[in-house]
Protein backbone atom coordinates (compact mmCIF):
# COMPACT_ATOMS: atom_id res chain seq x y z
CA UNK A 1 -22.15 22.72 49.41
CA UNK A 2 -18.87 22.08 47.56
CA UNK A 3 -18.01 24.63 44.90
CA UNK A 4 -17.91 21.97 42.19
CA UNK A 5 -21.53 21.07 42.98
CA UNK A 6 -22.84 24.60 42.75
CA UNK A 7 -24.84 25.53 39.69
CA UNK A 8 -24.17 28.60 37.59
CA UNK A 9 -27.34 30.16 38.97
CA UNK A 10 -26.18 29.63 42.54
CA UNK A 11 -22.82 31.19 41.74
CA UNK A 12 -24.54 34.24 40.28
CA UNK A 13 -26.76 34.53 43.36
CA UNK A 14 -23.73 34.23 45.61
CA UNK A 15 -21.96 36.95 43.68
CA UNK A 16 -24.96 39.26 43.88
CA UNK A 17 -25.20 38.62 47.63
CA UNK A 18 -21.53 39.55 48.03
CA UNK A 19 -22.07 42.77 46.12
CA UNK A 20 -25.11 43.66 48.21
CA UNK A 21 -23.20 43.01 51.44
CA UNK A 22 -20.33 45.19 50.31
CA UNK A 23 -22.73 47.97 49.43
CA UNK A 24 -24.41 47.63 52.82
CA UNK A 25 -21.05 47.87 54.59
CA UNK A 26 -19.88 50.74 52.41
CA UNK A 27 -16.95 48.80 50.98
CA UNK A 28 -15.85 50.53 47.78
CA UNK A 29 -12.12 49.84 47.62
CA UNK A 30 -12.42 46.80 45.34
CA UNK A 31 -13.98 46.45 41.93
CA UNK A 32 -16.20 43.40 42.15
CA UNK A 33 -18.65 43.18 39.27
CA UNK A 34 -21.56 40.78 38.75
CA UNK A 35 -21.64 38.11 36.10
CA UNK A 36 -22.32 39.65 32.72
CA UNK A 37 -19.77 42.44 33.12
CA UNK A 38 -16.00 42.10 33.00
CA UNK A 39 -14.96 40.16 36.06
CA UNK A 40 -11.98 41.68 37.81
CA UNK A 41 -9.23 39.29 38.82
CA UNK A 42 -8.70 41.51 41.84
CA UNK A 43 -12.20 41.03 43.17
CA UNK A 44 -11.66 38.08 45.49
CA UNK A 45 -10.75 39.27 48.97
CA UNK A 46 -12.84 36.94 51.13
CA UNK A 47 -12.44 33.16 50.89
CA UNK A 48 -15.91 32.87 49.35
CA UNK A 49 -15.05 35.39 46.67
CA UNK A 50 -11.72 33.75 45.90
CA UNK A 51 -13.46 30.41 45.41
CA UNK A 52 -16.11 32.01 43.24
CA UNK A 53 -13.67 33.72 40.89
CA UNK A 54 -11.36 30.70 40.82
CA UNK A 55 -14.31 28.66 39.59
CA UNK A 56 -15.12 31.20 36.89
CA UNK A 57 -11.58 31.23 35.50
CA UNK A 58 -11.08 27.48 35.79
CA UNK A 59 -14.22 27.06 33.72
CA UNK A 60 -12.82 29.47 31.13
CA UNK A 61 -9.63 27.42 30.93
CA UNK A 62 -11.62 24.24 30.39
CA UNK A 63 -13.68 25.89 27.66
CA UNK A 64 -10.48 27.04 25.95
CA UNK A 65 -9.09 23.52 26.12
CA UNK A 66 -12.31 22.11 24.72
CA UNK A 67 -12.20 24.52 21.76
CA UNK A 68 -8.53 23.97 21.05
CA UNK A 69 -6.15 26.39 19.37
CA UNK A 70 -7.80 25.89 15.99
CA UNK A 71 -11.19 27.12 17.14
CA UNK A 72 -11.05 30.24 14.98
CA UNK A 73 -10.09 28.61 11.71
CA UNK A 74 -10.35 31.73 9.57
CA UNK A 75 -7.87 33.65 11.67
CA UNK A 76 -5.35 30.80 11.78
CA UNK A 77 -5.73 30.22 8.06
CA UNK A 78 -4.45 33.76 7.48
CA UNK A 79 -0.97 32.64 8.52
CA UNK A 80 -0.92 30.06 5.71
CA UNK A 81 -2.06 32.53 3.07
CA UNK A 82 1.33 33.09 1.44
CA UNK A 83 2.79 29.75 2.52
CA UNK A 84 5.66 31.47 4.30
CA UNK A 85 7.58 28.49 5.74
CA UNK A 86 8.54 30.07 9.06
CA UNK A 87 4.94 31.17 9.75
CA UNK A 88 3.57 27.74 8.91
CA UNK A 89 6.14 26.16 11.22
CA UNK A 90 5.32 28.73 13.92
CA UNK A 91 1.62 27.86 13.86
CA UNK A 92 2.41 24.15 14.25
CA UNK A 93 4.74 24.87 17.18
CA UNK A 94 2.17 27.15 18.83
CA UNK A 95 -0.50 24.44 18.58
CA UNK A 96 1.89 21.96 20.18
CA UNK A 97 2.72 24.41 22.98
CA UNK A 98 -0.98 25.17 23.51
CA UNK A 99 -1.80 21.49 23.89
CA UNK A 100 1.19 20.38 25.95
CA UNK A 101 2.65 23.35 27.86
CA UNK A 102 -0.13 25.86 28.44
CA UNK A 103 -1.60 24.12 31.47
CA UNK A 104 1.86 23.42 32.90
CA UNK A 105 2.87 27.08 33.19
CA UNK A 106 5.07 27.00 30.11
CA UNK A 107 6.58 30.02 28.38
CA UNK A 108 6.48 30.85 24.67
CA UNK A 109 8.59 33.47 22.89
CA UNK A 110 7.75 34.90 19.45
CA UNK A 111 10.76 36.85 18.17
CA UNK A 112 11.09 38.59 14.84
CA UNK A 113 11.36 41.86 12.96
CA UNK A 114 8.66 44.45 12.36
CA UNK A 115 5.63 43.14 10.51
CA UNK A 116 6.52 39.47 10.92
CA UNK A 117 3.13 38.68 12.45
CA UNK A 118 4.16 38.22 16.10
CA UNK A 119 1.40 40.33 17.59
CA UNK A 120 -1.21 38.88 15.24
CA UNK A 121 -0.20 35.37 16.31
CA UNK A 122 -0.36 36.37 19.98
CA UNK A 123 -3.81 37.91 19.53
CA UNK A 124 -5.00 34.77 17.76
CA UNK A 125 -3.87 32.70 20.75
CA UNK A 126 -5.68 35.08 23.11
CA UNK A 127 -8.83 34.81 21.02
CA UNK A 128 -8.61 31.01 20.96
CA UNK A 129 -8.10 30.90 24.73
CA UNK A 130 -11.00 33.23 25.42
CA UNK A 131 -11.77 35.12 28.59
CA UNK A 132 -9.09 34.96 31.27
CA UNK A 133 -6.13 35.77 29.01
CA UNK A 134 -4.57 39.21 29.60
CA UNK A 135 -2.81 41.05 26.78
CA UNK A 136 -0.43 43.89 27.63
CA UNK A 137 1.74 45.83 25.24
CA UNK A 138 4.91 46.65 27.18
CA UNK A 139 4.73 50.40 26.58
CA UNK A 140 1.07 50.51 27.67
CA UNK A 141 1.88 48.43 30.74
CA UNK A 142 4.68 50.76 31.82
CA UNK A 143 2.51 53.81 31.18
CA UNK A 144 -0.30 52.31 33.27
CA UNK A 145 2.07 51.64 36.16
CA UNK A 146 3.59 55.11 35.96
CA UNK A 147 0.13 56.63 35.68
CA UNK A 148 -0.77 55.25 39.09
CA UNK A 149 2.10 56.99 40.88
CA UNK A 150 0.61 59.80 42.95
CA UNK A 151 -2.74 59.76 41.13
CA UNK A 152 -5.91 58.74 42.93
CA UNK A 153 -7.63 57.74 39.69
CA UNK A 154 -4.77 55.58 38.42
CA UNK A 155 -4.37 51.88 39.11
CA UNK A 156 -1.62 50.98 41.53
CA UNK A 157 1.34 48.92 40.41
CA UNK A 158 0.32 46.27 42.93
CA UNK A 159 -3.17 45.91 41.50
CA UNK A 160 -1.83 45.57 37.95
CA UNK A 161 0.69 42.95 39.05
CA UNK A 162 -1.88 40.94 40.99
CA UNK A 163 -4.08 40.83 37.90
CA UNK A 164 -1.11 39.66 35.83
CA UNK A 165 -0.20 36.99 38.37
CA UNK A 166 -3.73 35.61 38.67
CA UNK A 167 -4.61 35.57 34.98
CA UNK A 168 -4.58 32.04 33.51
CA UNK A 169 -2.57 33.34 30.54
CA UNK A 170 -0.42 36.47 30.29
CA UNK A 171 0.71 37.87 26.94
CA UNK A 172 3.39 40.57 27.04
CA UNK A 173 3.61 42.11 23.59
CA UNK A 174 6.64 43.93 22.18
CA UNK A 175 9.04 43.38 25.06
CA UNK A 176 11.85 45.88 24.61
CA UNK A 177 9.58 48.31 22.77
CA UNK A 178 9.52 50.79 25.64
CA UNK A 179 12.41 53.22 25.28
CA UNK A 180 14.08 53.99 28.59
CA UNK A 181 17.38 54.99 30.13
CA UNK A 182 16.34 53.39 33.41
CA UNK A 183 16.72 49.75 32.40
CA UNK A 184 17.05 48.48 36.02
CA UNK A 185 13.59 49.85 36.82
CA UNK A 186 12.06 48.07 33.81
CA UNK A 187 13.90 44.89 34.77
CA UNK A 188 12.25 45.08 38.20
CA UNK A 189 8.90 45.15 36.41
CA UNK A 190 9.92 42.04 34.47
CA UNK A 191 10.99 40.32 37.67
CA UNK A 192 7.69 41.05 39.38
CA UNK A 193 5.77 39.77 36.35
CA UNK A 194 7.64 36.58 35.64
CA UNK A 195 8.51 35.61 39.20
CA UNK A 196 4.83 35.94 40.06
CA UNK A 197 3.88 33.80 37.08
CA UNK A 198 6.50 31.24 38.07
CA UNK A 199 5.25 31.05 41.65
CA UNK A 200 1.67 30.63 40.42
CA UNK A 201 2.71 28.02 37.85
CA UNK A 202 0.95 29.89 35.05
CA UNK A 203 1.78 30.27 31.38
CA UNK A 204 2.98 33.35 29.53
CA UNK A 205 3.74 34.46 25.98
CA UNK A 206 6.30 37.11 25.00
CA UNK A 207 6.61 38.82 21.64
CA UNK A 208 9.76 40.83 20.91
CA UNK A 209 11.85 42.40 18.17
CA UNK A 210 14.98 41.50 20.12
CA UNK A 211 17.14 38.54 19.20
CA UNK A 212 17.26 35.87 21.91
CA UNK A 213 20.30 34.08 20.47
CA UNK A 214 23.73 34.91 21.95
CA UNK A 215 26.55 35.96 19.63
CA UNK A 216 30.08 34.61 19.58
CA UNK A 217 33.37 36.23 18.69
CA UNK A 218 36.24 33.80 18.89
CA UNK A 219 35.93 31.95 22.17
CA UNK A 220 33.85 34.67 23.80
CA UNK A 221 30.05 34.39 24.05
CA UNK A 222 28.08 37.60 24.31
CA UNK A 223 24.54 37.82 25.70
CA UNK A 224 21.68 38.35 23.30
CA UNK A 225 19.75 41.62 22.98
CA UNK A 226 16.87 39.94 24.79
CA UNK A 227 19.08 38.84 27.69
CA UNK A 228 20.62 42.28 28.06
CA UNK A 229 17.19 43.88 28.11
CA UNK A 230 15.62 41.62 30.75
CA UNK A 231 18.79 41.01 32.80
CA UNK A 232 20.43 37.71 33.71
CA UNK A 233 18.12 36.87 36.61
CA UNK A 234 14.96 37.37 34.55
CA UNK A 235 16.47 35.67 31.52
CA UNK A 236 17.12 32.55 33.59
CA UNK A 237 13.56 32.59 34.96
CA UNK A 238 11.98 33.12 31.55
CA UNK A 239 14.03 30.49 29.76
CA UNK A 240 13.40 28.03 32.57
CA UNK A 241 9.68 28.34 31.87
CA UNK A 242 10.19 28.15 28.10
CA UNK A 243 12.11 24.93 28.84
CA UNK A 244 13.18 24.12 25.28
CA UNK A 245 14.47 26.05 22.29
CA UNK A 246 11.53 24.75 20.27
CA UNK A 247 9.30 27.26 22.03
CA UNK A 248 11.53 30.20 21.14
CA UNK A 249 10.00 30.82 17.72
CA UNK A 250 12.30 32.62 15.29
CA UNK A 251 10.45 34.82 12.77
CA UNK A 252 13.34 37.07 11.75
CA UNK A 253 13.30 35.72 8.18
CA UNK A 254 9.62 36.54 7.72
CA UNK A 255 9.27 39.69 5.55
CA UNK A 256 7.34 42.71 6.81
CA UNK A 257 3.77 42.08 5.67
CA UNK A 258 3.05 45.83 5.84
CA UNK A 259 5.55 46.42 3.04
CA UNK A 260 4.56 43.56 0.75
CA UNK A 261 2.20 45.61 -1.38
CA UNK A 262 4.93 48.21 -2.00
CA UNK A 263 7.02 45.58 -3.78
CA UNK A 264 4.31 44.67 -6.26
């Protein structure tokens, strides 16, 4: 029977059968979970499992498309509360990206100062998309990868990367927020993330406090903070996915909402 013809009940039964077979064979190296729990993107190792989980996530994508970015109206309305022009423009651009670039593996960058609303916007997109979107704060991601080095209970870097590659939508929050003197190592993490997303043709969102615009002194152009952080190779890959400057959203003129009450 073709996967598209299988009912939800049949998929659940197939998943339960896979779990039972793994238990019978003593296979415990993967983290397959039945429907109802959090499905691991790393679960599919056999062809049957890969088809099963692909169907689950494709259905999630379709449900997200059916709902549209405005599904949670209350949350999106928050960004219009003070009629800040750049936030209003950002929401319109995000909706356009969501409708026209999300399914084509497009990139979206939200750049601005502290308290501009970047993370809140990214979380609103994740909530609108629903299950299947992965949200990683850069510092937490690096800590998770480092925590797996030499520790049996930690997740391996490979498993984290595979999950990031397979997820229909990846959100990397606060790029550049992790303080390090070993920038080349962090740039290798970026390369693994975004090259994998590129090869899979899947979308990503980046939030950052770093400026993405180059500076100029006389006839000399200097790379932006963002470009210096990610490195030239990654910068080219990321901007190739972003495709147009419209989807580099500039929020640097938005005041820190955490400090607004102090000015009253």
